[in-house]
Structure formats: structure tokens, C-alpha cells
Amino acid sequence: MEKLAALSDALGALLPAARAFMADPPRDPAKRDFEYKRLTETILAQILLKVDGVETEGDEGARARRKELVREAQGWLETLDRVHKGGR
């Protein structure tokens, strides 16, 4: 559970930048693409891939928390994707 808590904290640390991007995406397409890629690749590499590596060893609470963390990260990725494509 400690690893999951650390990953949850890491995702939480990314959220201010994600919210800022969603609230006011850069108007310059190159900057917009760069920031979108930076945020999404960080969530993928630093959160989702590491969550996949966490063994729950039959602990249902840890398994549920891992699943919840995956869904939360995926939700942020979907929202960032929608904003990047021009929606909000």
C-alpha cells in the first residue's frame, strides 16, 4: 500500500499542471503539443506503468486502490486528450 500511496501522491503533484493546461491551453500549437505530451507521457510513465508493477499479493484493499488509481490516471489522460483536441 505504501507504493500505491506514493504513486497517488505523485499523480496529485501533477494535477496542478494538468488543471492549468485544461483551464488555459497554450494558443501556440507547438507549445500546446509539447505541454500535452509532457503531461500525458509523465502520467503514463510515472504513474500507470509503475502501478502495473505493484504486486497486491492477494490484498483486496490494495487491489481496489490500484484499480482506483488506474481509473483516476486514465480519466486525467482522457480529459487532457479532449482539451488538446480542442474540447473542454
PDB file of N, CA and C in Angstrom:
ATOM      1  N   MET A   1       0.820  -1.200   0.000  1.00  0.00           N
ATOM      2  CA  MET A   1       0.000   0.000   0.000  1.00  0.00           C
ATOM      3  C   MET A   1       0.861   1.260   0.000  1.00  0.00           C
ATOM      4  N   GLU A   2       2.079   1.168   0.540  1.00  0.00           N
ATOM      5  CA  GLU A   2       2.962   2.337   0.563  1.00  0.00           C
ATOM      6  C   GLU A   2       3.310   2.791  -0.846  1.00  0.00           C
ATOM      7  N   LYS A   3       3.563   1.824  -1.734  1.00  0.00           N
ATOM      8  CA  LYS A   3       3.881   2.170  -3.119  1.00  0.00           C
ATOM      9  C   LYS A   3       2.694   2.853  -3.787  1.00  0.00           C
ATOM     10  N   LEU A   4       1.503   2.351  -3.518  1.00  0.00           N
ATOM     11  CA  LEU A   4       0.309   2.960  -4.104  1.00  0.00           C
ATOM     12  C   LEU A   4       0.091   4.365  -3.556  1.00  0.00           C
ATOM     13  N   ALA A   5       0.354   4.563  -2.278  1.00  0.00           N
ATOM     14  CA  ALA A   5       0.219   5.900  -1.684  1.00  0.00           C
ATOM     15  C   ALA A   5       1.219   6.862  -2.312  1.00  0.00           C
ATOM     16  N   ALA A   6       2.437   6.386  -2.548  1.00  0.00           N
ATOM     17  CA  ALA A   6       3.457   7.230  -3.169  1.00  0.00           C
ATOM     18  C   ALA A   6       3.067   7.582  -4.608  1.00  0.00           C
ATOM     19  N   LEU A   7       2.511   6.622  -5.321  1.00  0.00           N
ATOM     20  CA  LEU A   7       2.082   6.886  -6.700  1.00  0.00           C
ATOM     21  C   LEU A   7       0.882   7.832  -6.733  1.00  0.00           C
ATOM     22  N   SER A   8       0.001   7.693  -5.766  1.00  0.00           N
ATOM     23  CA  SER A   8      -1.133   8.611  -5.667  1.00  0.00           C
ATOM     24  C   SER A   8      -0.641  10.030  -5.392  1.00  0.00           C
ATOM     25  N   ASP A   9       0.344  10.153  -4.515  1.00  0.00           N
ATOM     26  CA  ASP A   9       0.941  11.468  -4.237  1.00  0.00           C
ATOM     27  C   ASP A   9       1.612  12.040  -5.480  1.00  0.00           C
ATOM     28  N   ALA A  10       2.286  11.177  -6.254  1.00  0.00           N
ATOM     29  CA  ALA A  10       2.953  11.624  -7.476  1.00  0.00           C
ATOM     30  C   ALA A  10       1.930  12.128  -8.488  1.00  0.00           C
ATOM     31  N   LEU A  11       0.805  11.427  -8.606  1.00  0.00           N
ATOM     32  CA  LEU A  11      -0.254  11.888  -9.507  1.00  0.00           C
ATOM     33  C   LEU A  11      -0.807  13.218  -9.010  1.00  0.00           C
ATOM     34  N   GLY A  12      -1.016  13.324  -7.716  1.00  0.00           N
ATOM     35  CA  GLY A  12      -1.512  14.577  -7.141  1.00  0.00           C
ATOM     36  C   GLY A  12      -0.587  15.745  -7.413  1.00  0.00           C
ATOM     37  N   ALA A  13       0.710  15.481  -7.447  1.00  0.00           N
ATOM     38  CA  ALA A  13       1.682  16.545  -7.720  1.00  0.00           C
ATOM     39  C   ALA A  13       1.598  17.024  -9.169  1.00  0.00           C
ATOM     40  N   LEU A  14       1.111  16.167 -10.063  1.00  0.00           N
ATOM     41  CA  LEU A  14       0.980  16.541 -11.476  1.00  0.00           C
ATOM     42  C   LEU A  14      -0.310  17.305 -11.765  1.00  0.00           C
ATOM     43  N   LEU A  15      -1.271  17.186 -10.889  1.00  0.00           N
ATOM     44  CA  LEU A  15      -2.592  17.742 -11.167  1.00  0.00           C
ATOM     45  C   LEU A  15      -2.634  19.263 -11.304  1.00  0.00           C
ATOM     46  N   PRO A  16      -1.869  20.038 -10.533  1.00  0.00           N
ATOM     47  CA  PRO A  16      -1.911  21.490 -10.772  1.00  0.00           C
ATOM     48  C   PRO A  16      -1.506  21.865 -12.201  1.00  0.00           C
ATOM     49  N   ALA A  17      -0.489  21.210 -12.738  1.00  0.00           N
ATOM     50  CA  ALA A  17      -0.068  21.492 -14.116  1.00  0.00           C
ATOM     51  C   ALA A  17      -1.139  21.034 -15.104  1.00  0.00           C
ATOM     52  N   ALA A  18      -1.770  19.901 -14.823  1.00  0.00           N
ATOM     53  CA  ALA A  18      -2.830  19.400 -15.711  1.00  0.00           C
ATOM     54  C   ALA A  18      -4.033  20.344 -15.680  1.00  0.00           C
ATOM     55  N   ARG A  19      -4.387  20.806 -14.504  1.00  0.00           N
ATOM     56  CA  ARG A  19      -5.517  21.748 -14.392  1.00  0.00           C
ATOM     57  C   ARG A  19      -5.213  23.067 -15.103  1.00  0.00           C
ATOM     58  N   ALA A  20      -3.982  23.535 -14.977  1.00  0.00           N
ATOM     59  CA  ALA A  20      -3.590  24.772 -15.654  1.00  0.00           C
ATOM     60  C   ALA A  20      -3.675  24.602 -17.169  1.00  0.00           C
ATOM     61  N   PHE A  21      -3.231  23.454 -17.654  1.00  0.00           N
ATOM     62  CA  PHE A  21      -3.314  23.178 -19.098  1.00  0.00           C
ATOM     63  C   PHE A  21      -4.772  23.157 -19.546  1.00  0.00           C
ATOM     64  N   MET A  22      -5.627  22.535 -18.767  1.00  0.00           N
ATOM     65  CA  MET A  22      -7.037  22.432 -19.140  1.00  0.00           C
ATOM     66  C   MET A  22      -7.740  23.782 -19.076  1.00  0.00           C
ATOM     67  N   ALA A  23      -7.388  24.593 -18.102  1.00  0.00           N
ATOM     68  CA  ALA A  23      -8.032  25.892 -17.933  1.00  0.00           C
ATOM     69  C   ALA A  23      -7.624  26.877 -19.018  1.00  0.00           C
ATOM     70  N   ASP A  24      -6.366  26.799 -19.437  1.00  0.00           N
ATOM     71  CA  ASP A  24      -5.862  27.759 -20.423  1.00  0.00           C
ATOM     72  C   ASP A  24      -4.760  27.107 -21.257  1.00  0.00           C
ATOM     73  N   PRO A  25      -5.147  26.247 -22.210  1.00  0.00           N
ATOM     74  CA  PRO A  25      -4.128  25.593 -23.040  1.00  0.00           C
ATOM     75  C   PRO A  25      -3.350  26.629 -23.858  1.00  0.00           C
ATOM     76  N   PRO A  26      -2.065  26.400 -24.057  1.00  0.00           N
ATOM     77  CA  PRO A  26      -1.289  27.341 -24.875  1.00  0.00           C
ATOM     78  C   PRO A  26      -1.915  27.533 -26.251  1.00  0.00           C
ATOM     79  N   ARG A  27      -1.925  28.748 -26.718  1.00  0.00           N
ATOM     80  CA  ARG A  27      -2.504  29.033 -28.029  1.00  0.00           C
ATOM     81  C   ARG A  27      -1.567  28.620 -29.166  1.00  0.00           C
ATOM     82  N   ASP A  28      -0.283  28.686 -28.910  1.00  0.00           N
ATOM     83  CA  ASP A  28       0.713  28.250 -29.892  1.00  0.00           C
ATOM     84  C   ASP A  28       0.637  26.719 -30.001  1.00  0.00           C
ATOM     85  N   PRO A  29       0.340  26.195 -31.210  1.00  0.00           N
ATOM     86  CA  PRO A  29       0.195  24.741 -31.365  1.00  0.00           C
ATOM     87  C   PRO A  29       1.419  23.940 -30.922  1.00  0.00           C
ATOM     88  N   ALA A  30       2.615  24.452 -31.148  1.00  0.00           N
ATOM     89  CA  ALA A  30       3.822  23.724 -30.762  1.00  0.00           C
ATOM     90  C   ALA A  30       3.923  23.641 -29.238  1.00  0.00           C
ATOM     91  N   LYS A  31       3.636  24.745 -28.559  1.00  0.00           N
ATOM     92  CA  LYS A  31       3.677  24.749 -27.094  1.00  0.00           C
ATOM     93  C   LYS A  31       2.568  23.873 -26.521  1.00  0.00           C
ATOM     94  N   ARG A  32       1.414  23.934 -27.173  1.00  0.00           N
ATOM     95  CA  ARG A  32       0.281  23.109 -26.740  1.00  0.00           C
ATOM     96  C   ARG A  32       0.634  21.624 -26.837  1.00  0.00           C
ATOM     97  N   ASP A  33       1.202  21.229 -27.979  1.00  0.00           N
ATOM     98  CA  ASP A  33       1.610  19.833 -28.175  1.00  0.00           C
ATOM     99  C   ASP A  33       2.674  19.419 -27.165  1.00  0.00           C
ATOM    100  N   PHE A  34       3.648  20.288 -26.950  1.00  0.00           N
ATOM    101  CA  PHE A  34       4.734  19.971 -26.020  1.00  0.00           C
ATOM    102  C   PHE A  34       4.194  19.734 -24.613  1.00  0.00           C
ATOM    103  N   GLU A  35       3.356  20.643 -24.142  1.00  0.00           N
ATOM    104  CA  GLU A  35       2.831  20.533 -22.784  1.00  0.00           C
ATOM    105  C   GLU A  35       1.914  19.316 -22.661  1.00  0.00           C
ATOM    106  N   TYR A  36       1.102  19.063 -23.671  1.00  0.00           N
ATOM    107  CA  TYR A  36       0.225  17.887 -23.678  1.00  0.00           C
ATOM    108  C   TYR A  36       1.056  16.602 -23.596  1.00  0.00           C
ATOM    109  N   LYS A  37       2.079  16.506 -24.421  1.00  0.00           N
ATOM    110  CA  LYS A  37       2.927  15.314 -24.425  1.00  0.00           C
ATOM    111  C   LYS A  37       3.674  15.163 -23.104  1.00  0.00           C
ATOM    112  N   ARG A  38       4.152  16.263 -22.557  1.00  0.00           N
ATOM    113  CA  ARG A  38       4.877  16.210 -21.294  1.00  0.00           C
ATOM    114  C   ARG A  38       3.972  15.665 -20.190  1.00  0.00           C
ATOM    115  N   LEU A  39       2.770  16.184 -20.111  1.00  0.00           N
ATOM    116  CA  LEU A  39       1.846  15.751 -19.064  1.00  0.00           C
ATOM    117  C   LEU A  39       1.404  14.304 -19.253  1.00  0.00           C
ATOM    118  N   THR A  40       0.990  13.965 -20.468  1.00  0.00           N
ATOM    119  CA  THR A  40       0.474  12.610 -20.690  1.00  0.00           C
ATOM    120  C   THR A  40       1.576  11.561 -20.582  1.00  0.00           C
ATOM    121  N   GLU A  41       2.749  11.854 -21.094  1.00  0.00           N
ATOM    122  CA  GLU A  41       3.835  10.879 -21.001  1.00  0.00           C
ATOM    123  C   GLU A  41       4.298  10.708 -19.559  1.00  0.00           C
ATOM    124  N   THR A  42       4.256  11.759 -18.791  1.00  0.00           N
ATOM    125  CA  THR A  42       4.624  11.658 -17.381  1.00  0.00           C
ATOM    126  C   THR A  42       3.609  10.798 -16.632  1.00  0.00           C
ATOM    127  N   ILE A  43       2.328  11.016 -16.892  1.00  0.00           N
ATOM    128  CA  ILE A  43       1.300  10.196 -16.239  1.00  0.00           C
ATOM    129  C   ILE A  43       1.453   8.738 -16.646  1.00  0.00           C
ATOM    130  N   LEU A  44       1.704   8.503 -17.924  1.00  0.00           N
ATOM    131  CA  LEU A  44       1.884   7.121 -18.382  1.00  0.00           C
ATOM    132  C   LEU A  44       3.101   6.462 -17.751  1.00  0.00           C
ATOM    133  N   ALA A  45       4.240   7.138 -17.821  1.00  0.00           N
ATOM    134  CA  ALA A  45       5.496   6.530 -17.360  1.00  0.00           C
ATOM    135  C   ALA A  45       5.631   6.516 -15.844  1.00  0.00           C
ATOM    136  N   GLN A  46       5.236   7.600 -15.205  1.00  0.00           N
ATOM    137  CA  GLN A  46       5.464   7.718 -13.765  1.00  0.00           C
ATOM    138  C   GLN A  46       4.325   7.163 -12.914  1.00  0.00           C
ATOM    139  N   ILE A  47       3.163   7.001 -13.517  1.00  0.00           N
ATOM    140  CA  ILE A  47       2.031   6.510 -12.728  1.00  0.00           C
ATOM    141  C   ILE A  47       1.562   5.143 -13.238  1.00  0.00           C
ATOM    142  N   LEU A  48       1.028   5.110 -14.448  1.00  0.00           N
ATOM    143  CA  LEU A  48       0.406   3.875 -14.919  1.00  0.00           C
ATOM    144  C   LEU A  48       1.373   2.706 -15.038  1.00  0.00           C
ATOM    145  N   LEU A  49       2.533   2.927 -15.598  1.00  0.00           N
ATOM    146  CA  LEU A  49       3.472   1.818 -15.727  1.00  0.00           C
ATOM    147  C   LEU A  49       3.949   1.325 -14.369  1.00  0.00           C
ATOM    148  N   LYS A  50       4.130   2.242 -13.436  1.00  0.00           N
ATOM    149  CA  LYS A  50       4.574   1.844 -12.106  1.00  0.00           C
ATOM    150  C   LYS A  50       3.444   1.168 -11.316  1.00  0.00           C
ATOM    151  N   VAL A  51       2.219   1.615 -11.521  1.00  0.00           N
ATOM    152  CA  VAL A  51       1.081   0.974 -10.859  1.00  0.00           C
ATOM    153  C   VAL A  51       0.970  -0.474 -11.320  1.00  0.00           C
ATOM    154  N   ASP A  52       1.206  -0.710 -12.604  1.00  0.00           N
ATOM    155  CA  ASP A  52       1.170  -2.075 -13.132  1.00  0.00           C
ATOM    156  C   ASP A  52       2.167  -2.983 -12.428  1.00  0.00           C
ATOM    157  N   GLY A  53       3.264  -2.427 -11.975  1.00  0.00           N
ATOM    158  CA  GLY A  53       4.294  -3.214 -11.331  1.00  0.00           C
ATOM    159  C   GLY A  53       4.073  -3.473  -9.844  1.00  0.00           C
ATOM    160  N   VAL A  54       3.038  -2.889  -9.282  1.00  0.00           N
ATOM    161  CA  VAL A  54       2.758  -3.079  -7.854  1.00  0.00           C
ATOM    162  C   VAL A  54       2.026  -4.404  -7.656  1.00  0.00           C
ATOM    163  N   GLU A  55       2.626  -5.262  -6.863  1.00  0.00           N
ATOM    164  CA  GLU A  55       2.012  -6.552  -6.527  1.00  0.00           C
ATOM    165  C   GLU A  55       1.106  -6.365  -5.312  1.00  0.00           C
ATOM    166  N   THR A  56      -0.129  -6.823  -5.435  1.00  0.00           N
ATOM    167  CA  THR A  56      -1.070  -6.687  -4.323  1.00  0.00           C
ATOM    168  C   THR A  56      -1.065  -7.922  -3.420  1.00  0.00           C
ATOM    169  N   GLU A  57      -0.482  -8.994  -3.884  1.00  0.00           N
ATOM    170  CA  GLU A  57      -0.323 -10.216  -3.092  1.00  0.00           C
ATOM    171  C   GLU A  57      -1.617 -10.643  -2.398  1.00  0.00           C
ATOM    172  N   GLY A  58      -2.714 -10.576  -3.130  1.00  0.00           N
ATOM    173  CA  GLY A  58      -3.993 -11.033  -2.606  1.00  0.00           C
ATOM    174  C   GLY A  58      -4.702 -10.061  -1.687  1.00  0.00           C
ATOM    175  N   ASP A  59      -4.115  -8.911  -1.431  1.00  0.00           N
ATOM    176  CA  ASP A  59      -4.738  -7.897  -0.567  1.00  0.00           C
ATOM    177  C   ASP A  59      -5.827  -7.181  -1.363  1.00  0.00           C
ATOM    178  N   GLU A  60      -7.080  -7.450  -1.026  1.00  0.00           N
ATOM    179  CA  GLU A  60      -8.203  -6.873  -1.764  1.00  0.00           C
ATOM    180  C   GLU A  60      -8.239  -5.350  -1.657  1.00  0.00           C
ATOM    181  N   GLY A  61      -7.861  -4.808  -0.515  1.00  0.00           N
ATOM    182  CA  GLY A  61      -7.828  -3.353  -0.353  1.00  0.00           C
ATOM    183  C   GLY A  61      -6.797  -2.714  -1.268  1.00  0.00           C
ATOM    184  N   ALA A  62      -5.626  -3.339  -1.352  1.00  0.00           N
ATOM    185  CA  ALA A  62      -4.575  -2.831  -2.235  1.00  0.00           C
ATOM    186  C   ALA A  62      -4.987  -2.975  -3.691  1.00  0.00           C
ATOM    187  N   ARG A  63      -5.630  -4.086  -3.995  1.00  0.00           N
ATOM    188  CA  ARG A  63      -6.086  -4.313  -5.369  1.00  0.00           C
ATOM    189  C   ARG A  63      -7.113  -3.258  -5.778  1.00  0.00           C
ATOM    190  N   ALA A  64      -8.051  -2.964  -4.880  1.00  0.00           N
ATOM    191  CA  ALA A  64      -9.071  -1.942  -5.149  1.00  0.00           C
ATOM    192  C   ALA A  64      -8.429  -0.566  -5.297  1.00  0.00           C
ATOM    193  N   ARG A  65      -7.458  -0.252  -4.448  1.00  0.00           N
ATOM    194  CA  ARG A  65      -6.782   1.051  -4.524  1.00  0.00           C
ATOM    195  C   ARG A  65      -6.003   1.173  -5.820  1.00  0.00           C
ATOM    196  N   ARG A  66      -5.351   0.084  -6.240  1.00  0.00           N
ATOM    197  CA  ARG A  66      -4.615   0.100  -7.504  1.00  0.00           C
ATOM    198  C   ARG A  66      -5.572   0.354  -8.669  1.00  0.00           C
ATOM    199  N   LYS A  67      -6.699  -0.328  -8.652  1.00  0.00           N
ATOM    200  CA  LYS A  67      -7.695  -0.164  -9.708  1.00  0.00           C
ATOM    201  C   LYS A  67      -8.225   1.274  -9.741  1.00  0.00           C
ATOM    202  N   GLU A  68      -8.471   1.822  -8.562  1.00  0.00           N
ATOM    203  CA  GLU A  68      -8.947   3.201  -8.441  1.00  0.00           C
ATOM    204  C   GLU A  68      -7.911   4.190  -8.991  1.00  0.00           C
ATOM    205  N   LEU A  69      -6.658   3.959  -8.678  1.00  0.00           N
ATOM    206  CA  LEU A  69      -5.580   4.835  -9.143  1.00  0.00           C
ATOM    207  C   LEU A  69      -5.431   4.765 -10.663  1.00  0.00           C
ATOM    208  N   VAL A  70      -5.577   3.575 -11.226  1.00  0.00           N
ATOM    209  CA  VAL A  70      -5.523   3.416 -12.686  1.00  0.00           C
ATOM    210  C   VAL A  70      -6.670   4.190 -13.329  1.00  0.00           C
ATOM    211  N   ARG A  71      -7.853   4.043 -12.781  1.00  0.00           N
ATOM    212  CA  ARG A  71      -9.022   4.756 -13.342  1.00  0.00           C
ATOM    213  C   ARG A  71      -8.849   6.271 -13.246  1.00  0.00           C
ATOM    214  N   GLU A  72      -8.316   6.736 -12.128  1.00  0.00           N
ATOM    215  CA  GLU A  72      -8.096   8.175 -11.955  1.00  0.00           C
ATOM    216  C   GLU A  72      -7.095   8.695 -12.983  1.00  0.00           C
ATOM    217  N   ALA A  73      -5.987   7.986 -13.141  1.00  0.00           N
ATOM    218  CA  ALA A  73      -4.966   8.402 -14.112  1.00  0.00           C
ATOM    219  C   ALA A  73      -5.526   8.370 -15.531  1.00  0.00           C
ATOM    220  N   GLN A  74      -6.286   7.331 -15.862  1.00  0.00           N
ATOM    221  CA  GLN A  74      -6.881   7.235 -17.189  1.00  0.00           C
ATOM    222  C   GLN A  74      -7.881   8.365 -17.426  1.00  0.00           C
ATOM    223  N   GLY A  75      -8.610   8.725 -16.400  1.00  0.00           N
ATOM    224  CA  GLY A  75      -9.548   9.837 -16.520  1.00  0.00           C
ATOM    225  C   GLY A  75      -8.833  11.146 -16.841  1.00  0.00           C
ATOM    226  N   TRP A  76      -7.711  11.378 -16.156  1.00  0.00           N
ATOM    227  CA  TRP A  76      -6.932  12.586 -16.447  1.00  0.00           C
ATOM    228  C   TRP A  76      -6.382  12.554 -17.868  1.00  0.00           C
ATOM    229  N   LEU A  77      -5.928  11.383 -18.313  1.00  0.00           N
ATOM    230  CA  LEU A  77      -5.416  11.264 -19.685  1.00  0.00           C
ATOM    231  C   LEU A  77      -6.517  11.554 -20.701  1.00  0.00           C
ATOM    232  N   GLU A  78      -7.702  11.030 -20.458  1.00  0.00           N
ATOM    233  CA  GLU A  78      -8.831  11.280 -21.371  1.00  0.00           C
ATOM    234  C   GLU A  78      -9.197  12.762 -21.405  1.00  0.00           C
ATOM    235  N   THR A  79      -9.203  13.393 -20.248  1.00  0.00           N
ATOM    236  CA  THR A  79      -9.536  14.814 -20.187  1.00  0.00           C
ATOM    237  C   THR A  79      -8.468  15.652 -20.887  1.00  0.00           C
ATOM    238  N   LEU A  80      -7.205  15.358 -20.647  1.00  0.00           N
ATOM    239  CA  LEU A  80      -6.123  16.079 -21.320  1.00  0.00           C
ATOM    240  C   LEU A  80      -6.214  15.890 -22.831  1.00  0.00           C
ATOM    241  N   ASP A  81      -6.537  14.686 -23.252  1.00  0.00           N
ATOM    242  CA  ASP A  81      -6.677  14.401 -24.676  1.00  0.00           C
ATOM    243  C   ASP A  81      -7.804  15.232 -25.289  1.00  0.00           C
ATOM    244  N   ARG A  82      -8.921  15.304 -24.596  1.00  0.00           N
ATOM    245  CA  ARG A  82     -10.067  16.075 -25.091  1.00  0.00           C
ATOM    246  C   ARG A  82      -9.710  17.560 -25.198  1.00  0.00           C
ATOM    247  N   VAL A  83      -9.049  18.095 -24.182  1.00  0.00           N
ATOM    248  CA  VAL A  83      -8.648  19.511 -24.205  1.00  0.00           C
ATOM    249  C   VAL A  83      -7.633  19.750 -25.313  1.00  0.00           C
ATOM    250  N   HIS A  84      -6.704  18.854 -25.479  1.00  0.00           N
ATOM    251  CA  HIS A  84      -5.688  19.000 -26.525  1.00  0.00           C
ATOM    252  C   HIS A  84      -6.325  19.049 -27.898  1.00  0.00           C
ATOM    253  N   LYS A  85      -7.389  18.289 -28.079  1.00  0.00           N
ATOM    254  CA  LYS A  85      -8.078  18.254 -29.374  1.00  0.00           C
ATOM    255  C   LYS A  85      -9.038  19.422 -29.558  1.00  0.00           C
ATOM    256  N   GLY A  86      -9.114  20.264 -28.562  1.00  0.00           N
ATOM    257  CA  GLY A  86      -9.925  21.486 -28.731  1.00  0.00           C
ATOM    258  C   GLY A  86     -11.202  21.527 -27.931  1.00  0.00           C
ATOM    259  N   GLY A  87     -11.530  20.477 -27.218  1.00  0.00           N
ATOM    260  CA  GLY A  87     -12.737  20.481 -26.385  1.00  0.00           C
ATOM    261  C   GLY A  87     -12.376  20.838 -24.964  1.00  0.00           C
ATOM    262  N   ARG A  88     -13.351  20.912 -24.118  1.00  0.00           N
ATOM    263  CA  ARG A  88     -13.075  21.176 -22.689  1.00  0.00           C
ATOM    264  C   ARG A  88     -13.884  20.284 -21.881  1.00  0.00           C
TER     265      ARG A  88
END
